[in-house]
Amino acid sequence: MTKIAIRFVAIGMLHSFLYGYLVPFVIYPRFGHCGITFVVIVAILISIGIMATLKLGKNKKRTKENDP
């Protein structure tokens, strides 16, 4: 359960940093709307990757329990 909580906190911190600092002060002034679109896509992909590791971890744990 703690691994899940840590991953949710990590996703929250990532998004807070991206949308609170990086996008408005770094990306938008330099790259405009295309930069924001790119950052949003990358953030979503990272979040999906982190969530996918939860699923893989559960599958790995179940196979270890089932093997003699």
PDB file of N, CA and C in Angstrom:
ATOM      1  N   MET A   1       0.824  -1.198   0.000  1.00  0.00           N
ATOM      2  CA  MET A   1       0.000   0.000   0.000  1.00  0.00           C
ATOM      3  C   MET A   1       0.864   1.257   0.000  1.00  0.00           C
ATOM      4  N   THR A   2       2.016   1.212   0.637  1.00  0.00           N
ATOM      5  CA  THR A   2       2.843   2.409   0.698  1.00  0.00           C
ATOM      6  C   THR A   2       3.451   2.742  -0.660  1.00  0.00           C
ATOM      7  N   LYS A   3       3.739   1.707  -1.470  1.00  0.00           N
ATOM      8  CA  LYS A   3       4.271   1.968  -2.803  1.00  0.00           C
ATOM      9  C   LYS A   3       3.262   2.710  -3.659  1.00  0.00           C
ATOM     10  N   ILE A   4       1.997   2.353  -3.511  1.00  0.00           N
ATOM     11  CA  ILE A   4       0.947   3.035  -4.262  1.00  0.00           C
ATOM     12  C   ILE A   4       0.856   4.488  -3.828  1.00  0.00           C
ATOM     13  N   ALA A   5       0.887   4.725  -2.541  1.00  0.00           N
ATOM     14  CA  ALA A   5       0.807   6.093  -2.028  1.00  0.00           C
ATOM     15  C   ALA A   5       2.003   6.919  -2.491  1.00  0.00           C
ATOM     16  N   ILE A   6       3.181   6.327  -2.469  1.00  0.00           N
ATOM     17  CA  ILE A   6       4.381   7.042  -2.915  1.00  0.00           C
ATOM     18  C   ILE A   6       4.265   7.408  -4.382  1.00  0.00           C
ATOM     19  N   ARG A   7       3.745   6.508  -5.197  1.00  0.00           N
ATOM     20  CA  ARG A   7       3.604   6.804  -6.629  1.00  0.00           C
ATOM     21  C   ARG A   7       2.570   7.892  -6.870  1.00  0.00           C
ATOM     22  N   PHE A   8       1.462   7.883  -6.128  1.00  0.00           N
ATOM     23  CA  PHE A   8       0.467   8.942  -6.285  1.00  0.00           C
ATOM     24  C   PHE A   8       1.035  10.294  -5.862  1.00  0.00           C
ATOM     25  N   VAL A   9       1.803  10.302  -4.789  1.00  0.00           N
ATOM     26  CA  VAL A   9       2.440  11.545  -4.351  1.00  0.00           C
ATOM     27  C   VAL A   9       3.452  12.020  -5.397  1.00  0.00           C
ATOM     28  N   ALA A  10       4.197  11.090  -5.978  1.00  0.00           N
ATOM     29  CA  ALA A  10       5.174  11.448  -7.010  1.00  0.00           C
ATOM     30  C   ALA A  10       4.479  12.052  -8.232  1.00  0.00           C
ATOM     31  N   ILE A  11       3.358  11.471  -8.637  1.00  0.00           N
ATOM     32  CA  ILE A  11       2.608  12.016  -9.764  1.00  0.00           C
ATOM     33  C   ILE A  11       2.095  13.415  -9.418  1.00  0.00           C
ATOM     34  N   GLY A  12       1.586  13.584  -8.222  1.00  0.00           N
ATOM     35  CA  GLY A  12       1.091  14.901  -7.796  1.00  0.00           C
ATOM     36  C   GLY A  12       2.188  15.948  -7.770  1.00  0.00           C
ATOM     37  N   MET A  13       3.350  15.572  -7.258  1.00  0.00           N
ATOM     38  CA  MET A  13       4.475  16.515  -7.224  1.00  0.00           C
ATOM     39  C   MET A  13       4.945  16.868  -8.627  1.00  0.00           C
ATOM     40  N   LEU A  14       4.980  15.886  -9.518  1.00  0.00           N
ATOM     41  CA  LEU A  14       5.367  16.128 -10.901  1.00  0.00           C
ATOM     42  C   LEU A  14       4.430  17.134 -11.552  1.00  0.00           C
ATOM     43  N   HIS A  15       3.139  16.917 -11.414  1.00  0.00           N
ATOM     44  CA  HIS A  15       2.173  17.818 -12.031  1.00  0.00           C
ATOM     45  C   HIS A  15       2.193  19.200 -11.375  1.00  0.00           C
ATOM     46  N   SER A  16       2.372  19.247 -10.075  1.00  0.00           N
ATOM     47  CA  SER A  16       2.463  20.549  -9.395  1.00  0.00           C
ATOM     48  C   SER A  16       3.648  21.348  -9.901  1.00  0.00           C
ATOM     49  N   PHE A  17       4.785  20.695 -10.041  1.00  0.00           N
ATOM     50  CA  PHE A  17       5.979  21.371 -10.550  1.00  0.00           C
ATOM     51  C   PHE A  17       5.771  21.814 -11.992  1.00  0.00           C
ATOM     52  N   LEU A  18       5.239  20.928 -12.814  1.00  0.00           N
ATOM     53  CA  LEU A  18       5.052  21.262 -14.223  1.00  0.00           C
ATOM     54  C   LEU A  18       4.113  22.436 -14.411  1.00  0.00           C
ATOM     55  N   TYR A  19       2.915  22.350 -13.815  1.00  0.00           N
ATOM     56  CA  TYR A  19       1.892  23.354 -14.072  1.00  0.00           C
ATOM     57  C   TYR A  19       1.997  24.567 -13.155  1.00  0.00           C
ATOM     58  N   GLY A  20       2.731  24.453 -12.083  1.00  0.00           N
ATOM     59  CA  GLY A  20       2.892  25.585 -11.180  1.00  0.00           C
ATOM     60  C   GLY A  20       4.091  26.448 -11.489  1.00  0.00           C
ATOM     61  N   TYR A  21       5.149  25.853 -12.007  1.00  0.00           N
ATOM     62  CA  TYR A  21       6.371  26.620 -12.274  1.00  0.00           C
ATOM     63  C   TYR A  21       6.844  26.496 -13.721  1.00  0.00           C
ATOM     64  N   LEU A  22       7.089  25.289 -14.154  1.00  0.00           N
ATOM     65  CA  LEU A  22       7.758  25.071 -15.437  1.00  0.00           C
ATOM     66  C   LEU A  22       6.962  25.607 -16.624  1.00  0.00           C
ATOM     67  N   VAL A  23       5.685  25.291 -16.695  1.00  0.00           N
ATOM     68  CA  VAL A  23       4.891  25.734 -17.850  1.00  0.00           C
ATOM     69  C   VAL A  23       4.726  27.251 -17.881  1.00  0.00           C
ATOM     70  N   PRO A  24       4.239  27.892 -16.823  1.00  0.00           N
ATOM     71  CA  PRO A  24       3.986  29.329 -16.962  1.00  0.00           C
ATOM     72  C   PRO A  24       5.233  30.209 -17.017  1.00  0.00           C
ATOM     73  N   PHE A  25       6.312  29.809 -16.385  1.00  0.00           N
ATOM     74  CA  PHE A  25       7.473  30.684 -16.308  1.00  0.00           C
ATOM     75  C   PHE A  25       8.609  30.322 -17.255  1.00  0.00           C
ATOM     76  N   VAL A  26       8.664  29.074 -17.718  1.00  0.00           N
ATOM     77  CA  VAL A  26       9.769  28.651 -18.578  1.00  0.00           C
ATOM     78  C   VAL A  26       9.289  28.294 -19.982  1.00  0.00           C
ATOM     79  N   ILE A  27       8.335  27.383 -20.063  1.00  0.00           N
ATOM     80  CA  ILE A  27       7.916  26.856 -21.358  1.00  0.00           C
ATOM     81  C   ILE A  27       7.103  27.876 -22.157  1.00  0.00           C
ATOM     82  N   TYR A  28       6.068  28.452 -21.548  1.00  0.00           N
ATOM     83  CA  TYR A  28       5.181  29.345 -22.292  1.00  0.00           C
ATOM     84  C   TYR A  28       5.888  30.584 -22.841  1.00  0.00           C
ATOM     85  N   PRO A  29       6.692  31.288 -22.052  1.00  0.00           N
ATOM     86  CA  PRO A  29       7.360  32.465 -22.633  1.00  0.00           C
ATOM     87  C   PRO A  29       8.309  32.112 -23.779  1.00  0.00           C
ATOM     88  N   ARG A  30       8.895  30.940 -23.736  1.00  0.00           N
ATOM     89  CA  ARG A  30       9.882  30.572 -24.744  1.00  0.00           C
ATOM     90  C   ARG A  30       9.265  29.903 -25.974  1.00  0.00           C
ATOM     91  N   PHE A  31       8.305  28.998 -25.759  1.00  0.00           N
ATOM     92  CA  PHE A  31       7.784  28.185 -26.854  1.00  0.00           C
ATOM     93  C   PHE A  31       6.316  28.424 -27.181  1.00  0.00           C
ATOM     94  N   GLY A  32       5.582  29.098 -26.326  1.00  0.00           N
ATOM     95  CA  GLY A  32       4.181  29.396 -26.598  1.00  0.00           C
ATOM     96  C   GLY A  32       3.276  28.192 -26.436  1.00  0.00           C
ATOM     97  N   HIS A  33       2.197  28.212 -27.196  1.00  0.00           N
ATOM     98  CA  HIS A  33       1.159  27.186 -27.063  1.00  0.00           C
ATOM     99  C   HIS A  33       1.668  25.793 -27.451  1.00  0.00           C
ATOM    100  N   CYS A  34       2.527  25.693 -28.436  1.00  0.00           N
ATOM    101  CA  CYS A  34       3.059  24.375 -28.847  1.00  0.00           C
ATOM    102  C   CYS A  34       3.883  23.748 -27.720  1.00  0.00           C
ATOM    103  N   GLY A  35       4.609  24.558 -26.978  1.00  0.00           N
ATOM    104  CA  GLY A  35       5.390  24.057 -25.848  1.00  0.00           C
ATOM    105  C   GLY A  35       4.507  23.512 -24.749  1.00  0.00           C
ATOM    106  N   ILE A  36       3.397  24.211 -24.482  1.00  0.00           N
ATOM    107  CA  ILE A  36       2.472  23.743 -23.449  1.00  0.00           C
ATOM    108  C   ILE A  36       1.865  22.407 -23.857  1.00  0.00           C
ATOM    109  N   THR A  37       1.487  22.290 -25.110  1.00  0.00           N
ATOM    110  CA  THR A  37       0.919  21.037 -25.602  1.00  0.00           C
ATOM    111  C   THR A  37       1.913  19.894 -25.428  1.00  0.00           C
ATOM    112  N   PHE A  38       3.157  20.132 -25.767  1.00  0.00           N
ATOM    113  CA  PHE A  38       4.188  19.112 -25.628  1.00  0.00           C
ATOM    114  C   PHE A  38       4.369  18.705 -24.166  1.00  0.00           C
ATOM    115  N   VAL A  39       4.407  19.664 -23.264  1.00  0.00           N
ATOM    116  CA  VAL A  39       4.591  19.368 -21.837  1.00  0.00           C
ATOM    117  C   VAL A  39       3.416  18.565 -21.302  1.00  0.00           C
ATOM    118  N   VAL A  40       2.205  18.912 -21.693  1.00  0.00           N
ATOM    119  CA  VAL A  40       1.029  18.180 -21.229  1.00  0.00           C
ATOM    120  C   VAL A  40       1.076  16.730 -21.721  1.00  0.00           C
ATOM    121  N   ILE A  41       1.435  16.527 -22.973  1.00  0.00           N
ATOM    122  CA  ILE A  41       1.526  15.168 -23.513  1.00  0.00           C
ATOM    123  C   ILE A  41       2.590  14.361 -22.774  1.00  0.00           C
ATOM    124  N   VAL A  42       3.747  14.962 -22.529  1.00  0.00           N
ATOM    125  CA  VAL A  42       4.821  14.262 -21.811  1.00  0.00           C
ATOM    126  C   VAL A  42       4.393  13.932 -20.382  1.00  0.00           C
ATOM    127  N   ALA A  43       3.721  14.859 -19.702  1.00  0.00           N
ATOM    128  CA  ALA A  43       3.264  14.614 -18.332  1.00  0.00           C
ATOM    129  C   ALA A  43       2.258  13.469 -18.281  1.00  0.00           C
ATOM    130  N   ILE A  44       1.354  13.428 -19.242  1.00  0.00           N
ATOM    131  CA  ILE A  44       0.371  12.346 -19.281  1.00  0.00           C
ATOM    132  C   ILE A  44       1.055  11.009 -19.539  1.00  0.00           C
ATOM    133  N   LEU A  45       2.014  10.984 -20.446  1.00  0.00           N
ATOM    134  CA  LEU A  45       2.740   9.738 -20.719  1.00  0.00           C
ATOM    135  C   LEU A  45       3.531   9.252 -19.502  1.00  0.00           C
ATOM    136  N   ILE A  46       4.160  10.176 -18.785  1.00  0.00           N
ATOM    137  CA  ILE A  46       4.894   9.798 -17.575  1.00  0.00           C
ATOM    138  C   ILE A  46       3.933   9.235 -16.529  1.00  0.00           C
ATOM    139  N   SER A  47       2.780   9.872 -16.358  1.00  0.00           N
ATOM    140  CA  SER A  47       1.797   9.400 -15.388  1.00  0.00           C
ATOM    141  C   SER A  47       1.290   8.009 -15.760  1.00  0.00           C
ATOM    142  N   ILE A  48       1.032   7.790 -17.048  1.00  0.00           N
ATOM    143  CA  ILE A  48       0.590   6.462 -17.495  1.00  0.00           C
ATOM    144  C   ILE A  48       1.679   5.432 -17.229  1.00  0.00           C
ATOM    145  N   GLY A  49       2.933   5.798 -17.461  1.00  0.00           N
ATOM    146  CA  GLY A  49       4.043   4.890 -17.193  1.00  0.00           C
ATOM    147  C   GLY A  49       4.154   4.530 -15.726  1.00  0.00           C
ATOM    148  N   ILE A  50       3.981   5.511 -14.868  1.00  0.00           N
ATOM    149  CA  ILE A  50       4.048   5.257 -13.426  1.00  0.00           C
ATOM    150  C   ILE A  50       2.892   4.362 -12.996  1.00  0.00           C
ATOM    151  N   MET A  51       1.700   4.617 -13.517  1.00  0.00           N
ATOM    152  CA  MET A  51       0.553   3.795 -13.165  1.00  0.00           C
ATOM    153  C   MET A  51       0.695   2.376 -13.719  1.00  0.00           C
ATOM    154  N   ALA A  52       1.324   2.236 -14.890  1.00  0.00           N
ATOM    155  CA  ALA A  52       1.534   0.909 -15.468  1.00  0.00           C
ATOM    156  C   ALA A  52       2.471   0.078 -14.598  1.00  0.00           C
ATOM    157  N   THR A  53       3.433   0.721 -13.946  1.00  0.00           N
ATOM    158  CA  THR A  53       4.327  -0.032 -13.068  1.00  0.00           C
ATOM    159  C   THR A  53       3.572  -0.619 -11.883  1.00  0.00           C
ATOM    160  N   LEU A  54       2.492   0.036 -11.464  1.00  0.00           N
ATOM    161  CA  LEU A  54       1.658  -0.536 -10.405  1.00  0.00           C
ATOM    162  C   LEU A  54       1.054  -1.856 -10.869  1.00  0.00           C
ATOM    163  N   LYS A  55       0.529  -1.865 -12.072  1.00  0.00           N
ATOM    164  CA  LYS A  55      -0.090  -3.073 -12.620  1.00  0.00           C
ATOM    165  C   LYS A  55       0.956  -4.180 -12.794  1.00  0.00           C
ATOM    166  N   LEU A  56       2.125  -3.835 -13.298  1.00  0.00           N
ATOM    167  CA  LEU A  56       3.176  -4.833 -13.478  1.00  0.00           C
ATOM    168  C   LEU A  56       3.646  -5.393 -12.142  1.00  0.00           C
ATOM    169  N   GLY A  57       3.732  -4.540 -11.144  1.00  0.00           N
ATOM    170  CA  GLY A  57       4.147  -4.990  -9.819  1.00  0.00           C
ATOM    171  C   GLY A  57       3.161  -5.966  -9.211  1.00  0.00           C
ATOM    172  N   LYS A  58       1.869  -5.737  -9.418  1.00  0.00           N
ATOM    173  CA  LYS A  58       0.849  -6.654  -8.905  1.00  0.00           C
ATOM    174  C   LYS A  58       0.940  -8.000  -9.609  1.00  0.00           C
ATOM    175  N   ASN A  59       1.127  -7.981 -10.926  1.00  0.00           N
ATOM    176  CA  ASN A  59       1.228  -9.236 -11.681  1.00  0.00           C
ATOM    177  C   ASN A  59       2.460 -10.026 -11.262  1.00  0.00           C
ATOM    178  N   LYS A  60       3.568  -9.360 -11.039  1.00  0.00           N
ATOM    179  CA  LYS A  60       4.798 -10.029 -10.627  1.00  0.00           C
ATOM    180  C   LYS A  60       4.624 -10.674  -9.255  1.00  0.00           C
ATOM    181  N   LYS A  61       3.973  -9.953  -8.351  1.00  0.00           N
ATOM    182  CA  LYS A  61       3.767 -10.465  -7.001  1.00  0.00           C
ATOM    183  C   LYS A  61       2.874 -11.701  -7.028  1.00  0.00           C
ATOM    184  N   ARG A  62       1.839 -11.686  -7.844  1.00  0.00           N
ATOM    185  CA  ARG A  62       0.935 -12.836  -7.927  1.00  0.00           C
ATOM    186  C   ARG A  62       1.637 -14.064  -8.489  1.00  0.00           C
ATOM    187  N   THR A  63       2.486 -13.890  -9.483  1.00  0.00           N
ATOM    188  CA  THR A  63       3.181 -15.035 -10.058  1.00  0.00           C
ATOM    189  C   THR A  63       4.164 -15.627  -9.058  1.00  0.00           C
ATOM    190  N   LYS A  64       4.800 -14.805  -8.250  1.00  0.00           N
ATOM    191  CA  LYS A  64       5.712 -15.330  -7.235  1.00  0.00           C
ATOM    192  C   LYS A  64       4.958 -16.123  -6.181  1.00  0.00           C
ATOM    193  N   GLU A  65       3.754 -15.669  -5.816  1.00  0.00           N
ATOM    194  CA  GLU A  65       2.968 -16.390  -4.817  1.00  0.00           C
ATOM    195  C   GLU A  65       2.480 -17.728  -5.366  1.00  0.00           C
ATOM    196  N   ASN A  66       2.178 -17.792  -6.648  1.00  0.00           N
ATOM    197  CA  ASN A  66       1.653 -19.011  -7.251  1.00  0.00           C
ATOM    198  C   ASN A  66       2.733 -20.047  -7.540  1.00  0.00           C
ATOM    199  N   ASP A  67       3.957 -19.624  -7.766  1.00  0.00           N
ATOM    200  CA  ASP A  67       5.042 -20.555  -8.052  1.00  0.00           C
ATOM    201  C   ASP A  67       5.480 -21.267  -6.784  1.00  0.00           C
ATOM    202  N   PRO A  68       5.754 -22.572  -6.883  1.00  0.00           N
ATOM    203  CA  PRO A  68       6.187 -23.318  -5.675  1.00  0.00           C
ATOM    204  C   PRO A  68       7.622 -23.047  -5.316  1.00  0.00           C
TER     205      PRO A  68
END
